[in-house]
């Protein structure tokens, strides 16, 4: 961990607007590979929501130069992803400045192999959004004295650069052999500032703060005996398992997920196929124990669904959330 520094997040502006890019096809130069091979190109689908204050001035003046250009955002993102193998090892690259809310950094993210940590890839996406917000706000300030805006009022402020909020979703569909839906990741990154003794935020200390992170492993298809009915005890049926991990950003729990998800998914699939529980609840709890106790994860939400249980229902099942402490207390 790096040295701590107290981080302050600016209040949400009165008017908050957003730019979205959905389902961007990003052929990553390197990413997690189902066969554990490093430096293999992989498909990735990304989405982002960049929230800022605000689009009011652009709407009032009907002037594109006062708005965030999502075309520029895509081109910037495409270029940064293409150059990822050359940029991510550099200590000057923005993701090396990303911190948690308490001001700490994950040193293991800085030394991970290029493309192997989805948190770093999402950091590249978030920094593209926040960087464009910075550039646009600066351009608007430079042009304020030359652009006509007859209808502008204090209630129609131009884009501000002191508040930025970028939510990123990634899906790596080929990251695991035993998970049909692949590996999903979500992060929420905002601008944060260090404050002086009087609580005044210092603009020179601004850094990207990862407030939230979430990992999803979806579509682990297994076949096992499951059910209380006599016909369900005769033959194995398909069971679809999903695992979700969620918590504050840039903390140790996320590194545990990154370090274990492939071996953990394989272990869940193999061990579930040896079971013969009567209830879905028992199976879900069994899976949660594997994930937390055997692989050291702090908390997991397990969803277990049976596609064949009800004729007119696509899937039926349960969802449980369990922590490692839950099992240690038993």
Protein backbone atom coordinates (compact mmCIF):
# COMPACT_ATOMS: atom_id res chain seq x y z
CA UNK A 1 0.00 0.00 0.00
CA UNK A 2 1.11 3.58 -0.64
CA UNK A 3 1.02 6.30 2.01
CA UNK A 4 -2.42 7.32 3.13
CA UNK A 5 -3.86 10.77 2.58
CA UNK A 6 -7.39 11.82 3.55
CA UNK A 7 -9.55 12.12 0.44
CA UNK A 8 -12.53 14.43 0.07
CA UNK A 9 -15.18 14.03 -2.63
CA UNK A 10 -16.89 17.23 -3.84
CA UNK A 11 -20.67 17.39 -3.35
CA UNK A 12 -22.83 16.34 -6.28
CA UNK A 13 -23.62 19.42 -8.40
CA UNK A 14 -27.16 20.77 -8.50
CA UNK A 15 -27.41 19.82 -12.18
CA UNK A 16 -25.76 16.55 -13.19
CA UNK A 17 -25.85 15.31 -16.78
CA UNK A 18 -24.24 12.29 -18.42
CA UNK A 19 -22.66 11.04 -21.62
CA UNK A 20 -22.93 7.31 -22.31
CA UNK A 21 -21.19 4.85 -24.58
CA UNK A 22 -22.80 1.41 -24.54
CA UNK A 23 -21.42 -1.94 -25.69
CA UNK A 24 -18.12 -0.73 -27.13
CA UNK A 25 -16.32 -3.58 -28.86
CA UNK A 26 -12.75 -3.42 -27.57
CA UNK A 27 -10.33 -6.03 -28.93
CA UNK A 28 -7.86 -5.98 -26.04
CA UNK A 29 -4.19 -6.51 -26.99
CA UNK A 30 -3.87 -8.63 -23.84
CA UNK A 31 -6.44 -9.87 -21.33
CA UNK A 32 -7.27 -12.88 -19.11
CA UNK A 33 -7.23 -16.04 -21.21
CA UNK A 34 -9.27 -19.16 -20.42
CA UNK A 35 -6.20 -21.33 -21.02
CA UNK A 36 -4.01 -19.21 -18.69
CA UNK A 37 -1.80 -18.01 -21.53
CA UNK A 38 -0.30 -14.53 -21.06
CA UNK A 39 -0.34 -11.74 -23.64
CA UNK A 40 -3.18 -13.16 -25.73
CA UNK A 41 -5.61 -10.76 -27.49
CA UNK A 42 -9.16 -11.12 -26.17
CA UNK A 43 -12.60 -9.70 -26.92
CA UNK A 44 -14.07 -7.23 -24.45
CA UNK A 45 -17.31 -5.28 -24.35
CA UNK A 46 -17.18 -2.00 -22.42
CA UNK A 47 -19.75 0.60 -21.46
CA UNK A 48 -19.28 3.86 -19.62
CA UNK A 49 -21.37 6.60 -18.11
CA UNK A 50 -19.56 9.92 -17.60
CA UNK A 51 -21.50 12.30 -15.36
CA UNK A 52 -20.62 15.99 -15.09
CA UNK A 53 -22.01 19.47 -14.50
CA UNK A 54 -23.48 20.22 -16.88
CA UNK A 55 -24.93 20.18 -20.41
CA UNK A 56 -27.18 23.17 -19.72
CA UNK A 57 -25.00 25.78 -21.45
CA UNK A 58 -24.64 23.59 -24.55
CA UNK A 59 -28.41 23.13 -24.71
CA UNK A 60 -29.22 26.83 -24.23
CA UNK A 61 -26.68 28.01 -26.83
CA UNK A 62 -27.21 24.93 -29.04
CA UNK A 63 -23.43 24.95 -29.43
CA UNK A 64 -21.52 21.68 -29.76
CA UNK A 65 -18.28 23.28 -28.52
CA UNK A 66 -19.90 23.59 -25.08
CA UNK A 67 -20.64 19.86 -24.92
CA UNK A 68 -18.72 16.65 -24.29
CA UNK A 69 -17.97 15.04 -27.65
CA UNK A 70 -18.69 11.31 -27.35
CA UNK A 71 -17.00 10.75 -30.72
CA UNK A 72 -13.76 12.11 -29.27
CA UNK A 73 -14.31 9.97 -26.19
CA UNK A 74 -14.54 6.82 -28.30
CA UNK A 75 -11.48 7.66 -30.39
CA UNK A 76 -9.46 8.49 -27.29
CA UNK A 77 -10.51 5.25 -25.65
CA UNK A 78 -9.77 3.18 -28.75
CA UNK A 79 -6.26 4.65 -28.97
CA UNK A 80 -5.45 4.15 -25.29
CA UNK A 81 -6.59 0.53 -25.39
CA UNK A 82 -4.55 -0.14 -28.53
CA UNK A 83 -1.46 1.29 -26.83
CA UNK A 84 -2.13 -0.43 -23.51
CA UNK A 85 0.91 -2.77 -23.65
CA UNK A 86 3.23 0.25 -23.98
CA UNK A 87 1.47 2.61 -21.58
CA UNK A 88 0.34 0.58 -18.58
CA UNK A 89 3.85 -0.29 -17.29
CA UNK A 90 4.77 3.41 -17.24
CA UNK A 91 4.62 5.05 -13.81
CA UNK A 92 3.35 8.21 -15.54
CA UNK A 93 0.20 6.48 -16.74
CA UNK A 94 -2.95 7.78 -14.92
CA UNK A 95 -4.07 4.43 -13.45
CA UNK A 96 -0.99 4.51 -11.22
CA UNK A 97 -2.57 7.49 -9.43
CA UNK A 98 -5.91 5.79 -8.71
CA UNK A 99 -6.61 5.50 -4.99
CA UNK A 100 -9.27 4.26 -2.59
CA UNK A 101 -11.46 6.56 -0.53
CA UNK A 102 -8.94 6.37 2.32
CA UNK A 103 -6.12 7.40 0.00
CA UNK A 104 -4.40 4.02 -0.42
CA UNK A 105 -3.31 2.25 -3.59
CA UNK A 106 -3.02 -1.38 -4.58
CA UNK A 107 0.65 -1.86 -5.38
CA UNK A 108 -0.09 -5.27 -6.94
CA UNK A 109 -2.09 -3.54 -9.70
CA UNK A 110 1.03 -1.63 -10.74
CA UNK A 111 3.10 -4.75 -11.33
CA UNK A 112 0.46 -7.09 -12.79
CA UNK A 113 1.07 -8.40 -16.30
CA UNK A 114 -0.31 -6.15 -19.02
CA UNK A 115 -4.04 -6.66 -19.48
CA UNK A 116 -4.38 -9.39 -16.85
CA UNK A 117 -6.13 -7.24 -14.24
CA UNK A 118 -9.57 -5.96 -15.32
CA UNK A 119 -9.28 -3.17 -12.75
CA UNK A 120 -6.42 -1.66 -14.74
CA UNK A 121 -8.34 -1.93 -18.03
CA UNK A 122 -11.37 -0.25 -16.43
CA UNK A 123 -9.03 2.41 -15.05
CA UNK A 124 -7.89 3.20 -18.58
CA UNK A 125 -11.53 3.61 -19.65
CA UNK A 126 -12.36 5.82 -16.64
CA UNK A 127 -9.30 7.99 -17.17
CA UNK A 128 -10.28 8.51 -20.81
CA UNK A 129 -13.62 9.88 -19.68
CA UNK A 130 -12.27 12.07 -16.90
CA UNK A 131 -9.43 13.28 -19.13
CA UNK A 132 -11.85 14.36 -21.86
CA UNK A 133 -13.94 16.16 -19.25
CA UNK A 134 -10.82 18.08 -18.20
CA UNK A 135 -9.92 19.03 -21.77
CA UNK A 136 -13.47 20.09 -22.62
CA UNK A 137 -13.82 22.25 -19.51
CA UNK A 138 -10.50 23.96 -20.29
CA UNK A 139 -11.56 24.60 -23.90
CA UNK A 140 -14.88 26.07 -22.74
CA UNK A 141 -13.08 28.41 -20.34
CA UNK A 142 -10.78 29.63 -23.13
CA UNK A 143 -13.70 30.36 -25.42
CA UNK A 144 -16.03 31.97 -22.88
CA UNK A 145 -15.08 35.49 -24.01
CA UNK A 146 -15.42 34.78 -27.72
CA UNK A 147 -18.45 32.51 -28.03
CA UNK A 148 -21.87 34.22 -28.21
CA UNK A 149 -24.25 32.90 -25.59
CA UNK A 150 -27.09 35.43 -25.38
CA UNK A 151 -29.32 33.24 -23.28
CA UNK A 152 -26.64 32.19 -20.78
CA UNK A 153 -27.33 32.99 -17.13
CA UNK A 154 -25.80 31.93 -13.80
CA UNK A 155 -28.31 29.10 -13.89
CA UNK A 156 -26.74 27.84 -17.14
CA UNK A 157 -23.10 27.21 -16.11
CA UNK A 158 -20.55 25.80 -18.55
CA UNK A 159 -18.94 22.41 -18.00
CA UNK A 160 -17.01 22.27 -14.72
CA UNK A 161 -13.83 20.27 -14.23
CA UNK A 162 -13.92 20.03 -10.43
CA UNK A 163 -16.53 17.26 -10.41
CA UNK A 164 -16.31 14.10 -12.52
CA UNK A 165 -18.03 10.75 -12.05
CA UNK A 166 -17.30 7.81 -14.38
CA UNK A 167 -18.98 4.41 -14.14
CA UNK A 168 -17.42 1.63 -16.24
CA UNK A 169 -18.70 -1.85 -17.11
CA UNK A 170 -16.49 -4.52 -18.70
CA UNK A 171 -17.37 -7.99 -19.93
CA UNK A 172 -14.68 -10.51 -20.89
CA UNK A 173 -16.69 -13.35 -22.46
CA UNK A 174 -13.71 -15.67 -23.08
CA UNK A 175 -11.95 -15.29 -19.73
CA UNK A 176 -12.97 -18.69 -18.29
CA UNK A 177 -13.71 -22.16 -19.60
CA UNK A 178 -16.41 -22.99 -17.07
CA UNK A 179 -18.34 -19.69 -17.09
CA UNK A 180 -20.53 -19.20 -20.17
CA UNK A 181 -21.08 -15.50 -19.46
CA UNK A 182 -17.42 -14.82 -18.75
CA UNK A 183 -16.06 -12.29 -16.30
CA UNK A 184 -17.85 -9.01 -15.65
CA UNK A 185 -16.45 -6.00 -13.84
CA UNK A 186 -17.89 -2.63 -12.79
CA UNK A 187 -16.14 0.37 -11.24
CA UNK A 188 -17.20 3.83 -10.12
CA UNK A 189 -14.44 6.46 -10.24
CA UNK A 190 -14.72 10.13 -9.18
CA UNK A 191 -12.41 13.08 -8.72
CA UNK A 192 -11.13 13.40 -5.15
CA UNK A 193 -9.01 15.98 -3.37
CA UNK A 194 -6.81 16.30 -0.31
CA UNK A 195 -7.91 19.05 2.07
CA UNK A 196 -5.92 21.47 4.20
CA UNK A 197 -6.32 21.97 7.95
CA UNK A 198 -9.38 24.14 7.33
CA UNK A 199 -11.07 21.51 5.20
CA UNK A 200 -10.51 23.41 1.95
CA UNK A 201 -9.90 21.09 -1.01
CA UNK A 202 -6.61 21.71 -2.84
CA UNK A 203 -7.07 21.49 -6.65
CA UNK A 204 -3.41 20.52 -7.10
CA UNK A 205 -4.00 17.27 -5.16
CA UNK A 206 -6.80 16.02 -7.41
CA UNK A 207 -6.70 12.28 -8.14
CA UNK A 208 -9.07 9.58 -9.44
CA UNK A 209 -10.77 7.78 -6.54
CA UNK A 210 -12.32 4.36 -7.08
CA UNK A 211 -15.41 4.38 -4.85
CA UNK A 212 -16.93 1.02 -5.79
CA UNK A 213 -15.96 -2.18 -7.55
CA UNK A 214 -17.92 -5.26 -8.55
CA UNK A 215 -16.93 -8.57 -10.15
CA UNK A 216 -19.44 -10.98 -11.69
CA UNK A 217 -18.73 -14.54 -12.81
CA UNK A 218 -21.79 -15.65 -14.72
CA UNK A 219 -23.12 -18.86 -16.21
CA UNK A 220 -21.16 -21.58 -14.42
CA UNK A 221 -23.05 -24.56 -15.83
CA UNK A 222 -22.91 -27.76 -13.77
CA UNK A 223 -24.83 -31.03 -13.73
CA UNK A 224 -25.79 -32.59 -10.41
CA UNK A 225 -28.55 -34.31 -8.46
CA UNK A 226 -30.63 -31.52 -6.94
CA UNK A 227 -34.19 -31.57 -5.62
CA UNK A 228 -36.56 -33.19 -3.17
CA UNK A 229 -38.92 -34.75 -5.72
CA UNK A 230 -38.45 -38.41 -6.57
CA UNK A 231 -37.96 -37.76 -10.28
CA UNK A 232 -35.18 -35.25 -9.48
CA UNK A 233 -33.21 -37.92 -7.64
CA UNK A 234 -32.94 -40.16 -10.71
CA UNK A 235 -30.81 -38.09 -13.07
CA UNK A 236 -28.50 -35.09 -12.92
CA UNK A 237 -29.95 -31.80 -14.10
CA UNK A 238 -28.36 -28.57 -15.28
CA UNK A 239 -27.65 -25.94 -12.63
CA UNK A 240 -26.51 -22.40 -13.51
CA UNK A 241 -24.39 -20.64 -10.88
CA UNK A 242 -23.35 -16.99 -10.77
CA UNK A 243 -20.96 -15.34 -8.30
CA UNK A 244 -20.94 -11.64 -7.44
CA UNK A 245 -18.36 -9.73 -5.39
CA UNK A 246 -18.94 -6.10 -4.45
CA UNK A 247 -17.26 -3.57 -2.18
CA UNK A 248 -15.22 -0.37 -1.84
CA UNK A 249 -12.62 0.19 -4.56
CA UNK A 250 -8.86 -0.34 -4.48
CA UNK A 251 -8.90 -2.59 -1.39
CA UNK A 252 -7.46 -6.04 -0.71
CA UNK A 253 -10.71 -7.93 -1.33
CA UNK A 254 -10.57 -7.03 -5.05
CA UNK A 255 -7.05 -8.39 -5.39
CA UNK A 256 -8.18 -11.66 -3.82
CA UNK A 257 -10.90 -12.02 -6.47
CA UNK A 258 -8.46 -11.24 -9.30
CA UNK A 259 -5.92 -13.73 -7.97
CA UNK A 260 -8.40 -16.59 -7.45
CA UNK A 261 -11.31 -16.31 -9.88
CA UNK A 262 -10.12 -18.82 -12.48
CA UNK A 263 -9.11 -21.57 -10.04
CA UNK A 264 -12.15 -20.81 -7.89
CA UNK A 265 -14.58 -21.13 -10.82
CA UNK A 266 -13.07 -24.46 -11.81
CA UNK A 267 -13.27 -25.74 -8.22
CA UNK A 268 -16.91 -24.68 -7.88
CA UNK A 269 -17.87 -26.43 -11.13
CA UNK A 270 -16.06 -29.65 -10.26
CA UNK A 271 -17.24 -29.89 -6.65
CA UNK A 272 -20.87 -29.05 -7.42
CA UNK A 273 -21.06 -31.94 -9.88
CA UNK A 274 -20.24 -34.33 -7.03
CA UNK A 275 -23.14 -33.13 -4.84
CA UNK A 276 -26.68 -34.43 -4.34
CA UNK A 277 -28.47 -31.81 -2.22
CA UNK A 278 -32.23 -31.72 -1.81
CA UNK A 279 -32.53 -27.91 -1.61
CA UNK A 280 -31.14 -25.13 -3.74
CA UNK A 281 -30.39 -23.22 -0.53
CA UNK A 282 -28.04 -25.95 0.63
CA UNK A 283 -26.20 -25.95 -2.70
CA UNK A 284 -25.86 -22.16 -2.71
CA UNK A 285 -24.43 -22.22 0.81
CA UNK A 286 -22.04 -25.01 -0.20
CA UNK A 287 -20.76 -22.85 -3.08
CA UNK A 288 -20.40 -19.81 -0.82
CA UNK A 289 -18.26 -21.86 1.57
CA UNK A 290 -15.91 -22.87 -1.27
CA UNK A 291 -15.55 -19.28 -2.44
CA UNK A 292 -14.96 -17.72 0.98
CA UNK A 293 -13.32 -20.39 3.13
CA UNK A 294 -11.33 -22.30 0.50
CA UNK A 295 -10.30 -19.28 -1.59
CA UNK A 296 -10.16 -16.53 1.02
CA UNK A 297 -12.74 -14.14 -0.40
CA UNK A 298 -14.41 -11.91 2.17
CA UNK A 299 -17.99 -12.02 0.87
CA UNK A 300 -19.89 -13.42 -2.08
CA UNK A 301 -23.41 -13.40 -3.46
CA UNK A 302 -24.26 -16.79 -4.97
CA UNK A 303 -27.16 -17.28 -7.36
CA UNK A 304 -28.20 -20.85 -8.17
CA UNK A 305 -30.82 -21.46 -10.87
CA UNK A 306 -32.46 -24.59 -12.29
CA UNK A 307 -33.55 -24.26 -15.95
CA UNK A 308 -35.54 -27.52 -15.88
CA UNK A 309 -37.39 -27.20 -12.57
CA UNK A 310 -40.60 -25.59 -13.90
CA UNK A 311 -41.97 -26.18 -17.37
CA UNK A 312 -43.14 -22.61 -18.03
CA UNK A 313 -40.36 -20.77 -16.20
CA UNK A 314 -37.03 -20.25 -17.93
CA UNK A 315 -35.06 -20.46 -14.66
CA UNK A 316 -35.97 -20.71 -10.99
CA UNK A 317 -33.62 -20.52 -8.04
CA UNK A 318 -32.31 -18.62 -5.04
CA UNK A 319 -29.70 -16.00 -4.23
CA UNK A 320 -27.75 -15.87 -0.97
CA UNK A 321 -24.99 -13.61 0.35
CA UNK A 322 -22.46 -15.09 2.77
CA UNK A 323 -19.21 -13.88 4.32
CA UNK A 324 -16.16 -15.80 5.45
CA UNK A 325 -17.01 -14.78 9.02
CA UNK A 326 -20.39 -16.52 8.68
CA UNK A 327 -18.72 -19.89 8.21
CA UNK A 328 -16.00 -19.30 10.78
CA UNK A 329 -18.74 -18.63 13.33
CA UNK A 330 -20.44 -21.97 12.74
